[in-house]
C-alpha atoms as a PDB file:
ATOM      1  CA  MET A   1     197.936  71.739 115.985  1.00  0.00           C
ATOM      2  CA  LEU A   2     195.870  74.731 117.537  1.00  0.00           C
ATOM      3  CA  ASN A   3     197.151  75.829 120.553  1.00  0.00           C
ATOM      4  CA  VAL A   4     194.974  78.069 123.129  1.00  0.00           C
ATOM      5  CA  SER A   5     196.514  76.472 126.179  1.00  0.00           C
ATOM      6  CA  GLY A   6     198.142  79.957 127.459  1.00  0.00           C
ATOM      7  CA  ASN A   7     195.363  82.403 126.578  1.00  0.00           C
ATOM      8  CA  GLN A   8     193.677  83.863 129.372  1.00  0.00           C
ATOM      9  CA  LEU A   9     190.391  83.480 129.082  1.00  0.00           C
ATOM     10  CA  PHE A  10     188.803  85.027 131.831  1.00  0.00           C
ATOM     11  CA  SER A  11     189.645  86.066 135.640  1.00  0.00           C
ATOM     12  CA  VAL A  12     187.640  85.494 138.870  1.00  0.00           C
ATOM     13  CA  GLY A  13     189.054  87.413 141.678  1.00  0.00           C
ATOM     14  CA  GLY A  14     191.787  88.021 139.908  1.00  0.00           C
ATOM     15  CA  ALA A  15     192.528  84.637 139.246  1.00  0.00           C
ATOM     16  CA  PRO A  16     193.218  84.142 135.982  1.00  0.00           C
ATOM     17  CA  TYR A  17     191.986  81.312 133.586  1.00  0.00           C
ATOM     18  CA  PHE A  18     193.159  79.690 130.152  1.00  0.00           C
ATOM     19  CA  GLY A  19     192.234  78.176 127.431  1.00  0.00           C
ATOM     20  CA  GLY A  20     194.147  74.889 128.740  1.00  0.00           C
ATOM     21  CA  ASP A  21     191.616  75.243 131.734  1.00  0.00           C
ATOM     22  CA  VAL A  22     189.030  75.181 129.096  1.00  0.00           C
ATOM     23  CA  VAL A  23     190.296  71.971 127.305  1.00  0.00           C
ATOM     24  CA  LEU A  24     190.809  70.407 130.322  1.00  0.00           C
ATOM     25  CA  ALA A  25     187.398  71.335 132.653  1.00  0.00           C
ATOM     26  CA  SER A  26     185.966  69.962 128.571  1.00  0.00           C
ATOM     27  CA  ILE A  27     187.442  66.760 129.316  1.00  0.00           C
ATOM     28  CA  LEU A  28     186.058  66.478 132.714  1.00  0.00           C
ATOM     29  CA  TRP A  29     182.774  67.042 131.865  1.00  0.00           C
ATOM     30  CA  GLY A  30     182.944  64.323 129.062  1.00  0.00           C
ATOM     31  CA  ASP A  31     182.626  67.165 126.342  1.00  0.00           C
ATOM     32  CA  TRP A  32     185.433  66.724 124.552  1.00  0.00           C
ATOM     33  CA  GLU A  33     185.537  63.246 123.350  1.00  0.00           C
ATOM     34  CA  ALA A  34     181.961  63.918 122.175  1.00  0.00           C
ATOM     35  CA  VAL A  35     183.911  66.467 119.638  1.00  0.00           C
ATOM     36  CA  GLU A  36     186.306  64.033 119.031  1.00  0.00           C
ATOM     37  CA  ARG A  37     184.011  61.426 118.015  1.00  0.00           C
ATOM     38  CA  GLU A  38     182.814  64.258 115.335  1.00  0.00           C
ATOM     39  CA  VAL A  39     185.965  65.141 113.850  1.00  0.00           C
ATOM     40  CA  ARG A  40     186.697  60.879 113.609  1.00  0.00           C
ATOM     41  CA  ALA A  41     183.368  61.023 111.426  1.00  0.00           C
ATOM     42  CA  GLY A  42     183.788  63.794 109.754  1.00  0.00           C
ATOM     43  CA  LEU A  43     187.731  62.907 108.679  1.00  0.00           C
ATOM     44  CA  ALA A  44     186.201  59.751 107.619  1.00  0.00           C
ATOM     45  CA  CYS A  45     183.774  61.127 105.315  1.00  0.00           C
ATOM     46  CA  LEU A  46     186.719  63.517 103.476  1.00  0.00           C
ATOM     47  CA  LYS A  47     188.585  60.346 103.154  1.00  0.00           C
ATOM     48  CA  ARG A  48     185.113  58.983 101.596  1.00  0.00           C
ATOM     49  CA  LEU A  49     184.822  61.855  99.418  1.00  0.00           C
ATOM     50  CA  GLU A  50     187.950  62.035  97.852  1.00  0.00           C
ATOM     51  CA  GLU A  51     187.453  58.201  96.228  1.00  0.00           C
ATOM     52  CA  ALA A  52     183.989  59.862  95.258  1.00  0.00           C
ATOM     53  CA  GLU A  53     183.199  59.420  91.625  1.00  0.00           C
ATOM     54  CA  ASP A  54     178.798  59.628  92.152  1.00  0.00           C
ATOM     55  CA  GLU A  55     177.920  63.343  91.093  1.00  0.00           C
ATOM     56  CA  GLU A  56     175.666  62.756  94.184  1.00  0.00           C
ATOM     57  CA  ASP A  57     178.306  62.581  96.428  1.00  0.00           C
ATOM     58  CA  VAL A  58     180.469  65.558  95.576  1.00  0.00           C
ATOM     59  CA  LEU A  59     179.482  68.379  97.669  1.00  0.00           C
ATOM     60  CA  PRO A  60     178.129  71.253  95.658  1.00  0.00           C
ATOM     61  CA  PRO A  61     180.199  74.479  96.031  1.00  0.00           C
ATOM     62  CA  ASP A  62     177.041  76.399  96.054  1.00  0.00           C
ATOM     63  CA  GLU A  63     176.530  73.906  99.209  1.00  0.00           C
ATOM     64  CA  ILE A  64     179.678  75.015 100.697  1.00  0.00           C
ATOM     65  CA  ASN A  65     179.341  79.268 100.209  1.00  0.00           C
ATOM     66  CA  SER A  66     175.736  78.499 101.534  1.00  0.00           C
ATOM     67  CA  ALA A  67     176.753  77.374 105.048  1.00  0.00           C
ATOM     68  CA  ALA A  68     180.114  79.706 104.644  1.00  0.00           C
ATOM     69  CA  GLU A  69     178.117  82.491 104.448  1.00  0.00           C
ATOM     70  CA  GLU A  70     175.315  80.528 106.673  1.00  0.00           C
ATOM     71  CA  PHE A  71     177.639  80.178 109.808  1.00  0.00           C
ATOM     72  CA  ARG A  72     179.064  84.169 109.329  1.00  0.00           C
ATOM     73  CA  TYR A  73     176.116  85.593 109.518  1.00  0.00           C
ATOM     74  CA  ALA A  74     174.885  84.006 112.706  1.00  0.00           C
ATOM     75  CA  ARG A  75     177.840  85.513 114.111  1.00  0.00           C
ATOM     76  CA  ASP A  76     177.615  89.073 113.141  1.00  0.00           C
ATOM     77  CA  LEU A  77     180.724  88.503 110.305  1.00  0.00           C
ATOM     78  CA  VAL A  78     179.560  89.923 107.563  1.00  0.00           C
ATOM     79  CA  ALA A  79     182.269  91.691 106.467  1.00  0.00           C
ATOM     80  CA  ALA A  80     185.302  90.388 105.175  1.00  0.00           C
ATOM     81  CA  GLU A  81     187.191  92.364 107.605  1.00  0.00           C
ATOM     82  CA  GLU A  82     185.431  90.841 110.097  1.00  0.00           C
ATOM     83  CA  MET A  83     185.322  87.013 109.688  1.00  0.00           C
ATOM     84  CA  GLU A  84     189.234  87.464 109.077  1.00  0.00           C
ATOM     85  CA  ARG A  85     189.898  88.915 112.749  1.00  0.00           C
ATOM     86  CA  TRP A  86     187.544  86.283 114.364  1.00  0.00           C
ATOM     87  CA  LEU A  87     189.937  83.741 112.311  1.00  0.00           C
ATOM     88  CA  GLU A  88     193.526  85.308 113.581  1.00  0.00           C
ATOM     89  CA  GLU A  89     191.866  85.805 117.032  1.00  0.00           C
ATOM     90  CA  ARG A  90     191.650  82.231 117.569  1.00  0.00           C
ATOM     91  CA  GLY A  91     194.273  81.171 116.168  1.00  0.00           C
ATOM     92  CA  LEU A  92     192.921  79.710 113.001  1.00  0.00           C
ATOM     93  CA  THR A  93     193.623  79.853 109.013  1.00  0.00           C
ATOM     94  CA  ALA A  94     190.705  80.279 105.997  1.00  0.00           C
ATOM     95  CA  ASP A  95     191.547  77.315 105.669  1.00  0.00           C
ATOM     96  CA  ASP A  96     190.464  75.470 108.850  1.00  0.00           C
ATOM     97  CA  TRP A  97     187.885  77.005 108.625  1.00  0.00           C
ATOM     98  CA  MET A  98     186.148  76.300 105.209  1.00  0.00           C
ATOM     99  CA  ASP A  99     187.411  72.251 106.061  1.00  0.00           C
ATOM    100  CA  TYR A 100     185.297  72.634 109.411  1.00  0.00           C
ATOM    101  CA  ILE A 101     182.692  74.091 107.084  1.00  0.00           C
ATOM    102  CA  GLN A 102     183.179  71.251 104.319  1.00  0.00           C
ATOM    103  CA  ARG A 103     183.534  68.455 107.288  1.00  0.00           C
ATOM    104  CA  SER A 104     180.093  69.211 109.125  1.00  0.00           C
ATOM    105  CA  LEU A 105     177.880  69.615 105.478  1.00  0.00           C
ATOM    106  CA  LEU A 106     179.304  65.633 105.214  1.00  0.00           C
ATOM    107  CA  LEU A 107     178.727  64.407 108.495  1.00  0.00           C
ATOM    108  CA  LYS A 108     175.081  65.667 107.929  1.00  0.00           C
ATOM    109  CA  LYS A 109     174.801  64.138 104.325  1.00  0.00           C
ATOM    110  CA  TRP A 110     175.712  60.767 105.591  1.00  0.00           C
ATOM    111  CA  ALA A 111     174.387  61.159 108.524  1.00  0.00           C
ATOM    112  CA  ASP A 112     172.667  57.362 108.242  1.00  0.00           C
ATOM    113  CA  GLU A 113     176.235  56.117 106.867  1.00  0.00           C
ATOM    114  CA  LEU A 114     178.393  57.059 109.764  1.00  0.00           C
ATOM    115  CA  ASP A 115     179.515  53.422 111.038  1.00  0.00           C
ATOM    116  CA  ALA A 116     180.217  51.714 108.337  1.00  0.00           C
ATOM    117  CA  ILE A 117     182.105  54.909 106.394  1.00  0.00           C
ATOM    118  CA  GLN A 118     184.216  55.077 109.503  1.00  0.00           C
ATOM    119  CA  GLN A 119     184.521  51.180 109.555  1.00  0.00           C
ATOM    120  CA  GLU A 120     186.120  51.720 105.869  1.00  0.00           C
ATOM    121  CA  TYR A 121     187.903  54.869 105.956  1.00  0.00           C
ATOM    122  CA  PRO A 122     189.301  55.193 110.270  1.00  0.00           C
ATOM    123  CA  ALA A 123     191.432  58.052 111.219  1.00  0.00           C
ATOM    124  CA  ASP A 124     194.441  58.443 112.955  1.00  0.00           C
ATOM    125  CA  GLN A 125     194.492  59.354 116.613  1.00  0.00           C
ATOM    126  CA  ASP A 126     196.865  61.939 115.532  1.00  0.00           C
ATOM    127  CA  GLU A 127     195.035  63.300 113.217  1.00  0.00           C
ATOM    128  CA  VAL A 128     191.754  63.874 115.392  1.00  0.00           C
ATOM    129  CA  ASP A 129     193.760  65.370 117.962  1.00  0.00           C
ATOM    130  CA  GLU A 130     195.546  67.731 115.410  1.00  0.00           C
ATOM    131  CA  LEU A 131     191.743  69.090 114.637  1.00  0.00           C
ATOM    132  CA  THR A 132     189.354  69.168 117.384  1.00  0.00           C
ATOM    133  CA  LEU A 133     190.184  72.269 119.006  1.00  0.00           C
ATOM    134  CA  CYS A 134     189.161  73.675 115.824  1.00  0.00           C
ATOM    135  CA  ASP A 135     186.391  72.332 115.598  1.00  0.00           C
ATOM    136  CA  ALA A 136     185.174  72.778 119.097  1.00  0.00           C
ATOM    137  CA  ILE A 137     185.867  76.896 118.491  1.00  0.00           C
ATOM    138  CA  CYS A 138     184.178  76.379 114.831  1.00  0.00           C
ATOM    139  CA  SER A 139     181.381  74.816 116.600  1.00  0.00           C
ATOM    140  CA  GLY A 140     180.602  77.660 119.391  1.00  0.00           C
ATOM    141  CA  ARG A 141     181.457  74.843 121.752  1.00  0.00           C
ATOM    142  CA  ALA A 142     184.591  75.504 123.100  1.00  0.00           C
ATOM    143  CA  ALA A 143     182.825  79.400 124.087  1.00  0.00           C
ATOM    144  CA  GLU A 144     180.459  77.457 125.710  1.00  0.00           C
ATOM    145  CA  TRP A 145     182.459  75.644 128.111  1.00  0.00           C
ATOM    146  CA  ALA A 146     184.486  78.765 128.865  1.00  0.00           C
ATOM    147  CA  ALA A 147     181.454  80.212 130.136  1.00  0.00           C
ATOM    148  CA  THR A 148     180.425  76.537 131.695  1.00  0.00           C
ATOM    149  CA  LEU A 149     183.826  77.463 133.904  1.00  0.00           C
ATOM    150  CA  ALA A 150     183.290  80.435 134.456  1.00  0.00           C
ATOM    151  CA  GLY A 151     179.989  80.040 136.006  1.00  0.00           C
ATOM    152  CA  ARG A 152     181.867  77.119 138.306  1.00  0.00           C
ATOM    153  CA  VAL A 153     184.393  79.092 139.275  1.00  0.00           C
ATOM    154  CA  ALA A 154     182.124  82.591 140.364  1.00  0.00           C
ATOM    155  CA  VAL A 155     179.853  79.871 142.071  1.00  0.00           C
ATOM    156  CA  TYR A 156     182.763  78.414 143.872  1.00  0.00           C
ATOM    157  CA  VAL A 157     184.219  81.765 144.994  1.00  0.00           C
ATOM    158  CA  GLY A 158     181.065  83.242 146.071  1.00  0.00           C
ATOM    159  CA  ILE A 159     180.594  80.043 148.186  1.00  0.00           C
ATOM    160  CA  ALA A 160     184.030  79.745 149.439  1.00  0.00           C
ATOM    161  CA  ALA A 161     183.531  83.869 150.624  1.00  0.00           C
ATOM    162  CA  ALA A 162     180.833  82.518 152.801  1.00  0.00           C
ATOM    163  CA  PRO A 163     182.039  82.046 156.814  1.00  0.00           C
ATOM    164  CA  ASP A 164     180.332  79.172 156.873  1.00  0.00           C
ATOM    165  CA  LYS A 165     181.685  77.889 154.308  1.00  0.00           C
ATOM    166  CA  ALA A 166     185.340  77.843 154.227  1.00  0.00           C
ATOM    167  CA  ASP A 167     186.856  74.665 153.393  1.00  0.00           C
ATOM    168  CA  ALA A 168     184.199  73.096 153.142  1.00  0.00           C
ATOM    169  CA  VAL A 169     184.756  70.640 150.170  1.00  0.00           C
ATOM    170  CA  PRO A 170     185.309  67.293 151.180  1.00  0.00           C
ATOM    171  CA  ASN A 171     188.695  66.056 150.064  1.00  0.00           C
ATOM    172  CA  GLU A 172     187.869  62.504 149.734  1.00  0.00           C
ATOM    173  CA  GLU A 173     186.413  63.372 146.805  1.00  0.00           C
ATOM    174  CA  VAL A 174     187.722  65.925 145.319  1.00  0.00           C
ATOM    175  CA  THR A 175     190.682  63.117 145.315  1.00  0.00           C
ATOM    176  CA  ARG A 176     188.690  61.019 143.668  1.00  0.00           C
ATOM    177  CA  VAL A 177     187.753  63.112 140.889  1.00  0.00           C
ATOM    178  CA  THR A 178     191.206  64.509 140.640  1.00  0.00           C
ATOM    179  CA  GLU A 179     192.248  60.453 139.965  1.00  0.00           C
ATOM    180  CA  ALA A 180     189.423  60.136 137.541  1.00  0.00           C
ATOM    181  CA  LEU A 181     190.476  63.371 135.786  1.00  0.00           C
ATOM    182  CA  TRP A 182     194.359  62.248 135.369  1.00  0.00           C
ATOM    183  CA  LYS A 183     193.610  58.873 134.035  1.00  0.00           C
ATOM    184  CA  LYS A 184     191.534  60.583 131.056  1.00  0.00           C
ATOM    185  CA  ILE A 185     194.512  62.886 129.572  1.00  0.00           C
ATOM    186  CA  ALA A 186     197.858  60.197 131.141  1.00  0.00           C
ATOM    187  CA  THR A 187     197.940  57.789 128.022  1.00  0.00           C
ATOM    188  CA  ARG A 188     197.217  61.105 125.527  1.00  0.00           C
ATOM    189  CA  ASP A 189     199.569  63.359 124.388  1.00  0.00           C
ATOM    190  CA  LEU A 190     197.175  66.595 124.484  1.00  0.00           C
ATOM    191  CA  SER A 191     200.057  69.216 125.691  1.00  0.00           C
ATOM    192  CA  ARG A 192     199.645  71.072 123.040  1.00  0.00           C
ATOM    193  CA  VAL A 193     196.326  72.208 124.160  1.00  0.00           C
ATOM    194  CA  LEU A 194     196.289  71.752 127.674  1.00  0.00           C
ATOM    195  CA  GLY A 195     200.076  72.955 128.362  1.00  0.00           C
ATOM    196  CA  ASP A 196     201.999  72.169 131.168  1.00  0.00           C
ATOM    197  CA  VAL A 197     199.116  70.204 133.564  1.00  0.00           C
ATOM    198  CA  GLY A 198     200.498  69.967 137.397  1.00  0.00           C
ATOM    199  CA  PRO A 199     198.530  68.124 140.737  1.00  0.00           C
ATOM    200  CA  GLU A 200     197.417  70.789 141.926  1.00  0.00           C
ATOM    201  CA  ARG A 201     195.896  72.371 138.067  1.00  0.00           C
ATOM    202  CA  LEU A 202     193.804  69.223 138.339  1.00  0.00           C
ATOM    203  CA  ARG A 203     192.985  69.304 141.742  1.00  0.00           C
ATOM    204  CA  THR A 204     191.707  73.164 141.623  1.00  0.00           C
ATOM    205  CA  LEU A 205     189.076  71.963 138.718  1.00  0.00           C
ATOM    206  CA  ALA A 206     188.437  69.066 140.918  1.00  0.00           C
ATOM    207  CA  ARG A 207     187.456  71.188 143.750  1.00  0.00           C
ATOM    208  CA  LEU A 208     185.217  73.385 141.479  1.00  0.00           C
ATOM    209  CA  GLU A 209     183.473  70.111 139.984  1.00  0.00           C
ATOM    210  CA  VAL A 210     182.577  69.128 143.309  1.00  0.00           C
ATOM    211  CA  THR A 211     181.542  72.254 144.697  1.00  0.00           C
ATOM    212  CA  TRP A 212     179.596  72.029 141.934  1.00  0.00           C
ATOM    213  CA  GLN A 213     177.888  69.298 142.465  1.00  0.00           C
ATOM    214  CA  GLU A 214     176.925  69.929 145.963  1.00  0.00           C
ATOM    215  CA  PHE A 215     175.630  73.763 144.937  1.00  0.00           C
ATOM    216  CA  SER A 216     173.287  72.001 142.056  1.00  0.00           C
ATOM    217  CA  ALA A 217     171.860  69.285 144.354  1.00  0.00           C
ATOM    218  CA  HIS A 218     171.875  72.692 147.027  1.00  0.00           C
ATOM    219  CA  GLN A 219     169.596  74.811 144.166  1.00  0.00           C
ATOM    220  CA  ALA A 220     167.317  72.561 142.313  1.00  0.00           C
ATOM    221  CA  THR A 221     165.320  71.225 145.276  1.00  0.00           C
ATOM    222  CA  ARG A 222     161.692  69.265 144.530  1.00  0.00           C
ATOM    223  CA  GLU A 223     160.230  71.662 145.772  1.00  0.00           C
ATOM    224  CA  ALA A 224     162.539  74.152 143.539  1.00  0.00           C
ATOM    225  CA  ILE A 225     161.854  71.618 141.059  1.00  0.00           C
ATOM    226  CA  ARG A 226     157.998  71.927 141.260  1.00  0.00           C
ATOM    227  CA  GLU A 227     157.755  75.175 141.614  1.00  0.00           C
ATOM    228  CA  GLN A 228     159.630  75.933 138.485  1.00  0.00           C
ATOM    229  CA  ILE A 229     157.118  73.269 136.744  1.00  0.00           C
ATOM    230  CA  ALA A 230     154.215  75.091 138.234  1.00  0.00           C
ATOM    231  CA  ALA A 231     155.515  78.224 136.613  1.00  0.00           C
ATOM    232  CA  ASN A 232     155.667  77.131 133.257  1.00  0.00           C
ATOM    233  CA  ARG A 233     153.032  74.849 132.503  1.00  0.00           C
ATOM    234  CA  LEU A 234     151.735  75.695 129.189  1.00  0.00           C
ATOM    235  CA  ASP A 235     155.078  76.495 127.795  1.00  0.00           C
ATOM    236  CA  TRP A 236     156.351  73.082 128.776  1.00  0.00           C
ATOM    237  CA  ILE A 237     153.844  71.643 127.689  1.00  0.00           C
ATOM    238  CA  HIS A 238     155.627  68.570 125.517  1.00  0.00           C
ATOM    239  CA  PHE A 239     153.804  67.606 121.863  1.00  0.00           C
ATOM    240  CA  ARG A 240     154.915  64.625 119.576  1.00  0.00           C
ATOM    241  CA  VAL A 241     153.973  65.293 115.759  1.00  0.00           C
ATOM    242  CA  ARG A 242     154.007  64.024 112.806  1.00  0.00           C
ATOM    243  CA  SER A 243     153.660  66.223 109.484  1.00  0.00           C
ATOM    244  CA  LEU A 244     154.491  67.293 106.292  1.00  0.00           C
ATOM    245  CA  SER A 245     155.090  70.659 104.018  1.00  0.00           C
ATOM    246  CA  LEU A 246     154.203  71.423 100.839  1.00  0.00           C
ATOM    247  CA  ARG A 247     154.822  75.105  98.522  1.00  0.00           C
ATOM    248  CA  ASP A 248     151.163  74.287  97.145  1.00  0.00           C
ATOM    249  CA  LEU A 249     148.183  75.153  99.264  1.00  0.00           C
ATOM    250  CA  ASP A 250     145.502  73.479  96.984  1.00  0.00           C
ATOM    251  CA  ALA A 251     147.745  70.299  97.477  1.00  0.00           C
ATOM    252  CA  ALA A 252     148.610  70.468 101.314  1.00  0.00           C
ATOM    253  CA  ARG A 253     144.712  70.916 101.634  1.00  0.00           C
ATOM    254  CA  GLU A 254     144.006  67.511  99.643  1.00  0.00           C
ATOM    255  CA  ALA A 255     146.966  66.048 102.091  1.00  0.00           C
ATOM    256  CA  ALA A 256     145.155  67.556 105.219  1.00  0.00           C
ATOM    257  CA  LEU A 257     142.248  65.607 104.273  1.00  0.00           C
ATOM    258  CA  CYS A 258     143.816  62.693 103.112  1.00  0.00           C
ATOM    259  CA  ILE A 259     145.706  62.582 106.918  1.00  0.00           C
ATOM    260  CA  ARG A 260     142.099  63.232 108.376  1.00  0.00           C
ATOM    261  CA  GLN A 261     139.298  61.751 107.143  1.00  0.00           C
ATOM    262  CA  ASP A 262     141.080  59.219 105.400  1.00  0.00           C
ATOM    263  CA  GLY A 263     143.477  58.648 108.329  1.00  0.00           C
ATOM    264  CA  LEU A 264     146.350  57.955 106.163  1.00  0.00           C
ATOM    265  CA  ASP A 265     149.975  58.794 107.184  1.00  0.00           C
ATOM    266  CA  PRO A 266     151.212  61.775 107.209  1.00  0.00           C
ATOM    267  CA  ALA A 267     155.110  60.225 105.871  1.00  0.00           C
ATOM    268  CA  GLU A 268     152.806  57.695 103.179  1.00  0.00           C
ATOM    269  CA  VAL A 269     150.729  61.432 102.063  1.00  0.00           C
ATOM    270  CA  ALA A 270     154.604  63.563 101.982  1.00  0.00           C
ATOM    271  CA  ALA A 271     155.903  59.936 100.188  1.00  0.00           C
ATOM    272  CA  GLU A 272     153.293  60.556  96.946  1.00  0.00           C
ATOM    273  CA  SER A 273     153.128  64.044  97.111  1.00  0.00           C
ATOM    274  CA  GLY A 274     155.961  64.643  97.162  1.00  0.00           C
ATOM    275  CA  GLY A 275     156.787  67.030 100.638  1.00  0.00           C
ATOM    276  CA  LYS A 276     158.818  67.161 102.987  1.00  0.00           C
ATOM    277  CA  PHE A 277     158.114  64.822 105.806  1.00  0.00           C
ATOM    278  CA  THR A 278     158.899  65.489 109.523  1.00  0.00           C
ATOM    279  CA  GLU A 279     158.665  63.933 112.890  1.00  0.00           C
ATOM    280  CA  GLY A 280     159.667  65.046 116.214  1.00  0.00           C
ATOM    281  CA  GLU A 281     158.638  65.763 119.733  1.00  0.00           C
ATOM    282  CA  TRP A 282     159.160  69.520 121.226  1.00  0.00           C
ATOM    283  CA  TYR A 283     158.412  71.533 124.166  1.00  0.00           C
ATOM    284  CA  LEU A 284     155.137  74.341 122.934  1.00  0.00           C
ATOM    285  CA  ASP A 285     158.059  77.101 123.723  1.00  0.00           C
ATOM    286  CA  ASP A 286     160.597  75.317 121.535  1.00  0.00           C
ATOM    287  CA  VAL A 287     157.918  75.571 118.233  1.00  0.00           C
ATOM    288  CA  ASP A 288     157.673  78.471 115.838  1.00  0.00           C
ATOM    289  CA  PRO A 289     155.261  81.229 117.163  1.00  0.00           C
ATOM    290  CA  VAL A 290     152.998  80.827 114.343  1.00  0.00           C
ATOM    291  CA  LEU A 291     152.167  77.197 115.494  1.00  0.00           C
ATOM    292  CA  ARG A 292     151.755  77.423 119.391  1.00  0.00           C
ATOM    293  CA  ASP A 293     147.918  78.582 119.591  1.00  0.00           C
ATOM    294  CA  HIS A 294     147.563  75.973 117.216  1.00  0.00           C
ATOM    295  CA  LEU A 295     149.164  73.674 119.503  1.00  0.00           C
ATOM    296  CA  LEU A 296     148.135  75.038 122.048  1.00  0.00           C
ATOM    297  CA  GLY A 297     144.235  74.604 121.450  1.00  0.00           C
ATOM    298  CA  ALA A 298     144.818  71.356 119.707  1.00  0.00           C
ATOM    299  CA  GLN A 299     144.201  67.604 121.909  1.00  0.00           C
ATOM    300  CA  ALA A 300     146.126  64.196 120.420  1.00  0.00           C
ATOM    301  CA  GLY A 301     145.300  62.763 118.323  1.00  0.00           C
ATOM    302  CA  GLU A 302     144.022  66.030 116.390  1.00  0.00           C
ATOM    303  CA  VAL A 303     145.315  67.359 112.274  1.00  0.00           C
ATOM    304  CA  LEU A 304     146.238  70.611 112.166  1.00  0.00           C
ATOM    305  CA  GLY A 305     146.802  72.842 108.579  1.00  0.00           C
ATOM    306  CA  PRO A 306     147.271  73.557 106.500  1.00  0.00           C
ATOM    307  CA  LEU A 307     149.930  76.352 108.627  1.00  0.00           C
ATOM    308  CA  ARG A 308     151.504  78.756 106.493  1.00  0.00           C
ATOM    309  CA  VAL A 309     155.167  78.776 108.311  1.00  0.00           C
ATOM    310  CA  ASN A 310     158.654  80.058 106.550  1.00  0.00           C
ATOM    311  CA  GLY A 311     156.648  79.994 103.149  1.00  0.00           C
ATOM    312  CA  GLU A 312     155.386  76.463 103.259  1.00  0.00           C
ATOM    313  CA  TYR A 313     152.468  74.671 103.975  1.00  0.00           C
ATOM    314  CA  MET A 314     152.289  72.912 107.339  1.00  0.00           C
ATOM    315  CA  VAL A 315     150.139  70.087 107.713  1.00  0.00           C
ATOM    316  CA  MET A 316     150.155  68.526 111.140  1.00  0.00           C
ATOM    317  CA  SER A 317     148.889  65.341 113.328  1.00  0.00           C
ATOM    318  CA  VAL A 318     149.313  65.860 116.935  1.00  0.00           C
ATOM    319  CA  CYS A 319     150.259  61.924 117.731  1.00  0.00           C
ATOM    320  CA  ALA A 320     150.475  62.785 121.884  1.00  0.00           C
ATOM    321  CA  LYS A 321     149.855  66.193 124.271  1.00  0.00           C
ATOM    322  CA  GLN A 322     151.397  65.496 127.410  1.00  0.00           C
ATOM    323  CA  PRO A 323     151.548  68.727 130.182  1.00  0.00           C
ATOM    324  CA  PRO A 324     154.378  69.042 132.638  1.00  0.00           C
ATOM    325  CA  SER A 325     155.065  66.816 134.934  1.00  0.00           C
ATOM    326  CA  GLU A 326     157.775  66.126 138.232  1.00  0.00           C
ATOM    327  CA  SER A 327     157.333  62.039 137.082  1.00  0.00           C
ATOM    328  CA  ASP A 328     159.248  63.464 133.671  1.00  0.00           C
ATOM    329  CA  PRO A 329     162.723  63.463 133.306  1.00  0.00           C
ATOM    330  CA  ALA A 330     163.523  65.771 130.890  1.00  0.00           C
ATOM    331  CA  VAL A 331     161.257  68.434 132.624  1.00  0.00           C
ATOM    332  CA  VAL A 332     162.348  68.423 135.347  1.00  0.00           C
ATOM    333  CA  ALA A 333     166.197  68.477 133.914  1.00  0.00           C
ATOM    334  CA  ARG A 334     164.719  71.244 132.323  1.00  0.00           C
ATOM    335  CA  ALA A 335     163.420  72.582 135.359  1.00  0.00           C
ATOM    336  CA  THR A 336     167.124  71.969 137.340  1.00  0.00           C
ATOM    337  CA  GLN A 337     168.386  74.315 133.731  1.00  0.00           C
ATOM    338  CA  VAL A 338     166.426  77.306 134.704  1.00  0.00           C
ATOM    339  CA  LEU A 339     166.640  76.942 138.331  1.00  0.00           C
ATOM    340  CA  LEU A 340     170.770  76.402 137.674  1.00  0.00           C
ATOM    341  CA  GLU A 341     171.564  79.493 135.273  1.00  0.00           C
ATOM    342  CA  ARG A 342     169.568  81.503 137.307  1.00  0.00           C
ATOM    343  CA  ASN A 343     170.983  81.528 140.110  1.00  0.00           C
ATOM    344  CA  VAL A 344     174.966  81.417 138.165  1.00  0.00           C
ATOM    345  CA  ARG A 345     174.239  84.404 136.673  1.00  0.00           C
ATOM    346  CA  ARG A 346     174.154  86.286 139.849  1.00  0.00           C
ATOM    347  CA  GLU A 347     177.718  84.579 140.464  1.00  0.00           C
ATOM    348  CA  VAL A 348     178.686  85.604 137.310  1.00  0.00           C
ATOM    349  CA  GLU A 349     177.790  89.324 137.696  1.00  0.00           C
ATOM    350  CA  GLY A 350     180.693  91.173 139.122  1.00  0.00           C
ATOM    351  CA  ARG A 351     182.789  88.255 139.217  1.00  0.00           C
ATOM    352  CA  VAL A 352     184.367  87.723 135.632  1.00  0.00           C
ATOM    353  CA  GLN A 353     186.555  89.700 134.103  1.00  0.00           C
ATOM    354  CA  TRP A 354     186.867  88.184 130.382  1.00  0.00           C
ATOM    355  CA  LYS A 355     189.417  88.619 128.654  1.00  0.00           C
ATOM    356  CA  GLU A 356     189.275  86.930 125.338  1.00  0.00           C
ATOM    357  CA  SER A 357     186.514  84.826 123.273  1.00  0.00           C
ATOM    358  CA  LEU A 358     187.150  81.287 121.763  1.00  0.00           C
END
């Protein structure tokens, strides 16, 4: 099993934090279990693949190589030596990495069948434990956990340094969180990825968590959230859209007429024309820049396009357009995230010294 429990990742105020601390924090937050679920599903898919007789179930080598290249270029690991160094620094092998790539592709390929596949090909917990940290590292989530933990430590140190805040963390709540964390790990054998877990280590993470919750509540006040929403009133306009994409401009124009004038559904037109149908909900700041101005000026019920996007022609039906509002939990969550990230960044600068990466 991959082991980074003793690897010092960063320090804050001279206090070191290790890979095991990051894993323990991810368990506290519920993120470790989320990766376990993906690993379990991926292992089931691999077992199904081993018995596959239909050529359509086999992953083409070109598809695997393409995903591997995408992984490398996304992390600027262009040269083979850079990729080898990245793996070595994290204790991974090339086989570990390629197995992760294959599992990831199968999860996408059989996304609609995962429940049935897992019932037919269950994975043992030992198998899951063996691969969870590998997948957390390769997916980038372990690095995100480390950054999150570093931010929470920096916030805690900053608060503890204030004369009026010393020892302000409520012990009852720290005890409650400590006990909840202990219950999560007590029945599991995660010693290889956690290292030695003593009561004080659990209590330290619980203290960080309680302090963070209080910090979040103090920063994300109703007035602060209202100000953020006002400052992003255009970027956070919410759209619900149904669209299709075609490579041929004339075909896209015909599709647009069918939707705009005949009132046909984009999914139906896509099926008849061989186009690619998509539907989703977007905020304006998340959409392709090519579409931004078109969507900003559109009204609900309007059909846009054809618009050239990434070498294809898109026809888009705007089903709904909603300005940001305090009554929308997703918008409030966005505003809260902006507020917290800004304040955490201020605390992290000058406090966190990084040693290694996950």
